[in-house]
Amino acid sequence: MVRQIILNLLITATLITSSYAEEPDAFDVYDWMESLNGKWVLSPADKQIGTDSYKHKAVLPIVGTNTAGITFKSIGYNSTIQEDLLPNTAKQMVTMYHCKDMECNLLKATHYCVKQNQPEFIANFKQSTKNRIVFDCDMSTQLCQSDEDHVHKIIHEISNNGKHLKSSYLSWENKKQKKNSSIYHFDRK
């Protein structure tokens, strides 16, 4: 009887601990970012769900074409991932994702924005998963604490077995989220 109770407790403890996955670390999130490497095209207009960002005059001509809407590539001997959003358009922006230090305890990003500022981000390990990568504005920086219009959160959501990407660049101004943030849907090519 005691033996059965102990066995049941061990099984229950194993099930409880295995149901809670460990929080990812910088290496996990960096690997997930690397899985985005390559060219992605803007999805057709009818697949741009929940957003009007694709209707911008600089973006609309490439919607549903084979023209790159976003690319990811590893550079610097795989020490940095370069994201090129809307290349060769008036809305082209670049984000660089990299470890902050040699131990890679913190995954950082710098977004070079058409708003003519460069917000810095830190990976949010609590909200990130293999299919949803979240970067929050680094509140230790002046821009992220300011009233200036800036991208305050970046979210990459991967679906359809890695063939679809929803990228959200959530803007803030006067310390509040703006309604007209940039959200795009892409398909892997």
Protein backbone atom coordinates (compact mmCIF):
# COMPACT_ATOMS: atom_id res chain seq x y z
CA MET A 1 0.00 0.00 0.00
CA VAL A 2 2.72 2.50 1.00
CA ARG A 3 4.73 1.40 -2.02
CA GLN A 4 1.76 2.09 -4.32
CA ILE A 5 1.23 5.55 -2.79
CA ILE A 6 4.91 6.42 -3.28
CA LEU A 7 4.77 5.17 -6.87
CA ASN A 8 1.65 7.26 -7.55
CA LEU A 9 3.32 10.34 -6.03
CA LEU A 10 6.40 9.84 -8.21
CA ILE A 11 4.28 9.45 -11.34
CA THR A 12 2.26 12.57 -10.45
CA ALA A 13 5.42 14.60 -9.76
CA THR A 14 6.91 13.47 -13.08
CA LEU A 15 3.77 14.43 -14.98
CA ILE A 16 3.59 17.83 -13.30
CA THR A 17 7.22 18.72 -13.95
CA SER A 18 7.15 17.49 -17.54
CA SER A 19 4.00 19.50 -18.30
CA TYR A 20 5.84 22.73 -17.46
CA ALA A 21 8.53 23.30 -20.05
CA GLU A 22 11.58 25.19 -18.98
CA GLU A 23 11.73 28.84 -19.97
CA PRO A 24 13.81 29.19 -23.14
CA ASP A 25 17.17 30.91 -22.97
CA ALA A 26 18.99 33.20 -25.40
CA PHE A 27 20.42 30.26 -27.36
CA ASP A 28 16.93 28.76 -27.84
CA VAL A 29 15.45 32.03 -29.09
CA TYR A 30 18.47 32.66 -31.32
CA ASP A 31 18.05 29.19 -32.86
CA TRP A 32 14.38 29.90 -33.46
CA MET A 33 15.32 33.18 -35.14
CA GLU A 34 17.81 31.31 -37.35
CA SER A 35 14.97 29.06 -38.53
CA LEU A 36 13.55 32.14 -40.26
CA ASN A 37 16.61 32.44 -42.53
CA GLY A 38 15.72 33.03 -46.16
CA LYS A 39 13.37 35.01 -48.33
CA TRP A 40 9.72 35.59 -47.43
CA VAL A 41 7.20 37.28 -49.72
CA LEU A 42 4.20 39.33 -48.61
CA SER A 43 1.10 37.16 -48.57
CA PRO A 44 -1.72 38.10 -51.00
CA ALA A 45 -4.07 40.88 -49.86
CA ASP A 46 -6.80 38.43 -48.80
CA LYS A 47 -4.30 36.75 -46.43
CA GLN A 48 -3.25 40.04 -44.76
CA ILE A 49 -5.66 39.34 -41.91
CA GLY A 50 -6.17 41.96 -39.21
CA THR A 51 -3.99 44.60 -40.82
CA ASP A 52 -4.01 47.40 -43.38
CA SER A 53 -0.22 47.87 -43.32
CA TYR A 54 0.14 46.21 -46.73
CA LYS A 55 -1.98 49.01 -48.30
CA HIS A 56 0.81 51.58 -47.89
CA LYS A 57 1.75 52.98 -51.32
CA ALA A 58 5.33 51.73 -50.94
CA VAL A 59 4.24 48.21 -49.96
CA LEU A 60 1.12 47.49 -52.05
CA PRO A 61 3.01 46.95 -55.35
CA ILE A 62 4.88 43.94 -53.90
CA VAL A 63 1.91 42.26 -52.15
CA GLY A 64 1.35 38.76 -53.56
CA THR A 65 4.38 38.96 -55.87
CA ASN A 66 7.59 36.96 -55.75
CA THR A 67 9.43 40.06 -54.48
CA ALA A 68 11.00 39.70 -51.03
CA GLY A 69 8.90 41.27 -48.29
CA ILE A 70 11.31 40.25 -45.55
CA THR A 71 14.59 38.35 -45.45
CA PHE A 72 16.58 36.91 -42.60
CA LYS A 73 20.24 35.92 -42.83
CA SER A 74 23.02 35.03 -40.44
CA ILE A 75 26.05 37.29 -40.65
CA GLY A 76 29.28 37.79 -38.72
CA TYR A 77 30.12 34.08 -38.60
CA ASN A 78 26.59 33.33 -37.33
CA SER A 79 26.89 35.84 -34.46
CA THR A 80 24.10 38.10 -35.72
CA ILE A 81 20.84 37.68 -37.59
CA GLN A 82 19.97 40.47 -39.99
CA GLU A 83 16.31 41.05 -40.74
CA ASP A 84 15.61 43.20 -43.81
CA LEU A 85 11.96 44.30 -43.79
CA LEU A 86 10.44 45.54 -47.06
CA PRO A 87 13.76 45.73 -48.93
CA ASN A 88 14.02 48.11 -51.88
CA THR A 89 10.94 50.09 -50.79
CA ALA A 90 10.53 53.49 -49.14
CA LYS A 91 9.59 51.59 -45.93
CA GLN A 92 12.75 49.45 -45.80
CA MET A 93 13.94 48.79 -42.24
CA VAL A 94 16.62 46.56 -40.78
CA THR A 95 16.73 44.82 -37.41
CA MET A 96 19.88 43.18 -36.08
CA TYR A 97 19.48 40.36 -33.51
CA HIS A 98 22.54 39.40 -31.45
CA CYS A 99 23.78 38.25 -28.07
CA LYS A 100 24.70 41.04 -25.69
CA ASP A 101 27.80 39.28 -24.39
CA MET A 102 30.01 36.23 -24.93
CA GLU A 103 27.93 34.10 -22.54
CA CYS A 104 24.76 35.03 -24.46
CA ASN A 105 22.65 35.52 -21.36
CA LEU A 106 20.64 38.21 -23.08
CA LEU A 107 19.45 38.33 -26.70
CA LYS A 108 19.25 41.90 -27.98
CA ALA A 109 17.95 43.56 -31.12
CA THR A 110 18.33 46.99 -32.65
CA HIS A 111 15.68 48.17 -35.12
CA TYR A 112 16.72 50.77 -37.70
CA CYS A 113 13.37 52.38 -38.38
CA VAL A 114 11.83 54.67 -41.00
CA LYS A 115 10.75 56.78 -38.02
CA GLN A 116 14.43 57.78 -37.97
CA ASN A 117 15.16 56.26 -34.61
CA GLN A 118 16.75 53.01 -33.42
CA PRO A 119 14.86 51.34 -30.58
CA GLU A 120 16.70 48.57 -28.76
CA PHE A 121 15.00 45.36 -27.66
CA ILE A 122 15.48 42.44 -25.32
CA ALA A 123 14.10 38.96 -26.02
CA ASN A 124 11.14 38.15 -23.81
CA PHE A 125 11.90 34.56 -22.75
CA LYS A 126 8.62 34.18 -20.84
CA GLN A 127 6.47 34.97 -23.89
CA SER A 128 8.66 33.37 -26.56
CA THR A 129 8.14 29.88 -27.95
CA LYS A 130 9.43 28.10 -31.01
CA ASN A 131 6.46 29.52 -32.95
CA ARG A 132 6.17 32.95 -31.32
CA ILE A 133 9.27 35.07 -30.78
CA VAL A 134 8.81 38.23 -28.74
CA PHE A 135 11.15 41.19 -28.24
CA ASP A 136 10.29 44.01 -25.82
CA CYS A 137 11.67 47.53 -25.90
CA ASP A 138 14.70 47.79 -23.62
CA MET A 139 13.34 50.03 -20.89
CA SER A 140 16.87 50.91 -19.77
CA THR A 141 17.19 53.01 -22.94
CA GLN A 142 16.05 56.60 -23.28
CA LEU A 143 13.96 56.03 -26.43
CA CYS A 144 11.88 53.22 -24.92
CA GLN A 145 11.03 55.45 -21.94
CA SER A 146 10.26 58.49 -24.08
CA ASP A 147 7.05 59.91 -25.54
CA GLU A 148 8.59 59.67 -29.03
CA ASP A 149 6.84 57.51 -31.63
CA HIS A 150 8.84 54.26 -31.81
CA VAL A 151 8.47 50.52 -32.30
CA HIS A 152 8.05 49.16 -28.77
CA LYS A 153 7.51 45.43 -29.35
CA ILE A 154 8.39 43.02 -32.16
CA ILE A 155 6.55 39.71 -32.48
CA HIS A 156 7.29 37.03 -35.09
CA GLU A 157 4.66 34.28 -35.24
CA ILE A 158 5.43 31.18 -37.31
CA SER A 159 2.69 28.85 -38.55
CA ASN A 160 1.76 26.42 -41.32
CA ASN A 161 4.77 24.17 -40.62
CA GLY A 162 7.20 27.07 -40.88
CA LYS A 163 5.80 28.37 -44.17
CA HIS A 164 3.86 31.40 -42.84
CA LEU A 165 5.14 34.32 -40.79
CA LYS A 166 3.18 37.11 -39.15
CA SER A 167 5.50 39.94 -38.10
CA SER A 168 4.16 42.69 -35.85
CA TYR A 169 5.98 45.92 -35.09
CA LEU A 170 3.89 47.49 -32.33
CA SER A 171 4.43 51.22 -32.04
CA TRP A 172 4.08 53.40 -28.99
CA GLU A 173 3.80 57.14 -28.61
CA ASN A 174 3.29 59.11 -25.40
CA LYS A 175 3.83 55.83 -23.50
CA LYS A 176 0.76 54.18 -25.08
CA GLN A 177 0.38 51.64 -27.85
CA LYS A 178 -0.72 53.21 -31.12
CA LYS A 179 -3.58 51.77 -33.15
CA ASN A 180 -1.72 51.92 -36.46
CA SER A 181 1.13 49.51 -35.75
CA SER A 182 2.73 47.68 -38.68
CA ILE A 183 1.66 44.06 -39.07
CA TYR A 184 2.54 41.96 -42.11
CA HIS A 185 1.89 38.40 -43.22
CA PHE A 186 4.58 36.58 -45.24
CA ASP A 187 4.98 33.23 -46.97
CA ARG A 188 8.30 31.40 -47.29
CA LYS A 189 9.76 31.17 -50.77
